[in-house]
Protein backbone atom coordinates (compact mmCIF):
# COMPACT_ATOMS: atom_id res chain seq x y z
CA UNK A 1 45.43 -42.66 22.98
CA UNK A 2 44.47 -44.90 26.09
CA UNK A 3 41.04 -46.75 25.25
CA UNK A 4 37.96 -46.64 27.08
CA UNK A 5 38.82 -49.93 28.71
CA UNK A 6 42.48 -49.00 29.66
CA UNK A 7 41.09 -46.36 31.44
CA UNK A 8 38.37 -48.60 33.36
CA UNK A 9 41.02 -51.30 34.08
CA UNK A 10 43.63 -48.78 35.71
CA UNK A 11 40.82 -47.29 37.74
CA UNK A 12 40.24 -50.61 38.75
CA UNK A 13 43.89 -51.22 40.09
CA UNK A 14 44.06 -47.93 41.26
CA UNK A 15 41.16 -48.32 43.72
CA UNK A 16 42.79 -52.21 44.59
CA UNK A 17 45.86 -50.59 45.47
CA UNK A 18 44.05 -47.73 48.12
CA UNK A 19 42.18 -50.34 49.48
CA UNK A 20 45.50 -52.49 50.41
CA UNK A 21 47.40 -48.93 51.24
CA UNK A 22 44.27 -47.48 53.38
CA UNK A 23 41.83 -49.85 53.87
CA UNK A 24 39.51 -48.06 51.89
CA UNK A 25 38.84 -46.28 49.01
CA UNK A 26 36.74 -42.46 48.23
CA UNK A 27 36.31 -43.28 44.26
CA UNK A 28 32.84 -42.64 43.32
CA UNK A 29 30.97 -45.43 41.65
CA UNK A 30 31.85 -45.71 38.08
CA UNK A 31 30.18 -47.08 34.70
CA UNK A 32 32.22 -50.12 33.58
CA UNK A 33 30.16 -50.38 29.98
CA UNK A 34 26.77 -51.41 28.81
CA UNK A 35 24.85 -53.87 29.89
CA UNK A 36 25.18 -56.56 27.24
CA UNK A 37 22.70 -57.88 24.76
CA UNK A 38 22.29 -61.62 26.53
CA UNK A 39 21.23 -60.18 29.96
CA UNK A 40 18.70 -57.33 28.32
CA UNK A 41 16.92 -60.35 26.03
CA UNK A 42 16.73 -61.95 29.20
CA UNK A 43 15.24 -59.22 31.40
CA UNK A 44 12.46 -58.71 28.42
CA UNK A 45 11.35 -62.44 28.21
CA UNK A 46 11.39 -63.01 32.62
CA UNK A 47 9.43 -59.69 32.76
CA UNK A 48 12.83 -58.92 34.80
CA UNK A 49 13.08 -54.82 35.43
CA UNK A 50 16.84 -53.20 34.71
CA UNK A 51 18.11 -50.46 36.39
CA UNK A 52 20.06 -48.82 33.54
CA UNK A 53 21.78 -49.88 30.20
CA UNK A 54 25.07 -49.28 32.11
CA UNK A 55 27.20 -51.45 34.32
CA UNK A 56 28.65 -50.53 37.08
CA UNK A 57 31.38 -50.84 40.05
CA UNK A 58 32.06 -49.36 43.18
CA UNK A 59 34.93 -49.45 45.70
CA UNK A 60 32.88 -50.44 47.84
CA UNK A 61 31.95 -53.29 46.03
CA UNK A 62 35.61 -54.03 45.40
CA UNK A 63 36.72 -53.90 49.06
CA UNK A 64 33.69 -56.41 49.46
CA UNK A 65 35.33 -58.70 47.10
CA UNK A 66 38.64 -58.26 49.58
CA UNK A 67 37.29 -58.73 53.16
CA UNK A 68 39.37 -61.08 55.33
CA UNK A 69 35.96 -63.40 55.51
CA UNK A 70 36.29 -64.08 52.05
CA UNK A 71 40.01 -65.23 51.47
CA UNK A 72 39.24 -67.57 54.59
CA UNK A 73 36.62 -69.59 52.77
CA UNK A 74 39.18 -69.53 49.30
CA UNK A 75 36.58 -66.58 47.99
CA UNK A 76 38.56 -63.85 46.92
CA UNK A 77 38.40 -62.75 43.47
CA UNK A 78 41.99 -62.46 42.12
CA UNK A 79 43.14 -58.16 41.31
CA UNK A 80 43.70 -59.81 37.56
CA UNK A 81 39.95 -60.84 37.13
CA UNK A 82 38.58 -57.78 39.27
CA UNK A 83 40.57 -55.60 37.05
CA UNK A 84 39.70 -58.13 33.62
CA UNK A 85 35.95 -58.36 34.71
CA UNK A 86 34.98 -55.80 32.49
CA UNK A 87 36.22 -56.94 29.46
CA UNK A 88 36.08 -60.60 30.27
CA UNK A 89 32.64 -60.65 31.18
CA UNK A 90 31.69 -60.99 27.57
CA UNK A 91 33.21 -64.51 27.24
CA UNK A 92 32.09 -65.54 30.56
CA UNK A 93 28.78 -67.51 31.13
CA UNK A 94 25.73 -65.53 32.48
CA UNK A 95 23.25 -66.73 34.47
CA UNK A 96 20.26 -65.62 36.51
CA UNK A 97 19.41 -67.42 39.83
CA UNK A 98 15.65 -65.83 40.72
CA UNK A 99 17.77 -62.40 41.97
CA UNK A 100 21.09 -61.76 40.56
CA UNK A 101 22.21 -62.25 37.36
CA UNK A 102 25.81 -63.79 37.97
CA UNK A 103 28.86 -64.04 35.64
CA UNK A 104 31.16 -66.80 35.74
CA UNK A 105 34.49 -68.27 34.07
CA UNK A 106 34.44 -71.47 36.33
CA UNK A 107 36.83 -69.92 39.68
CA UNK A 108 35.89 -66.84 39.59
CA UNK A 109 31.71 -65.27 40.22
CA UNK A 110 30.74 -61.92 39.81
CA UNK A 111 27.10 -61.23 40.82
CA UNK A 112 24.50 -58.49 39.67
CA UNK A 113 21.64 -57.27 41.39
CA UNK A 114 19.28 -56.26 37.98
CA UNK A 115 17.45 -53.51 39.84
CA UNK A 116 20.75 -51.56 40.83
CA UNK A 117 23.23 -52.44 38.06
CA UNK A 118 26.13 -53.36 40.51
CA UNK A 119 28.44 -56.02 41.16
CA UNK A 120 28.24 -57.18 44.71
């Protein structure tokens, strides 16, 4: 039986493949899981309104991560990191910069908009 993590990972991999082959993907935004407790608690303490209890990813956001301008600056997040993010985020450091939540492992960073509940 396939777990939801495998389904999410497969979905991300399929979107990345679509983008490489066609330049875009028409997959609709999808949940990668619940917002974790440390984000919820920080938001409560600091009066930050979270738009949902789910965290979403979209093909547009993944396409944004792969832009040529990011590659030229050395800011591209690897396919493996993008595919692994839904599960790996729990072991990543989490920061709030006054506008966005930022997950980082010291090499890659993932920016989350608290009012849109999606990765930027």
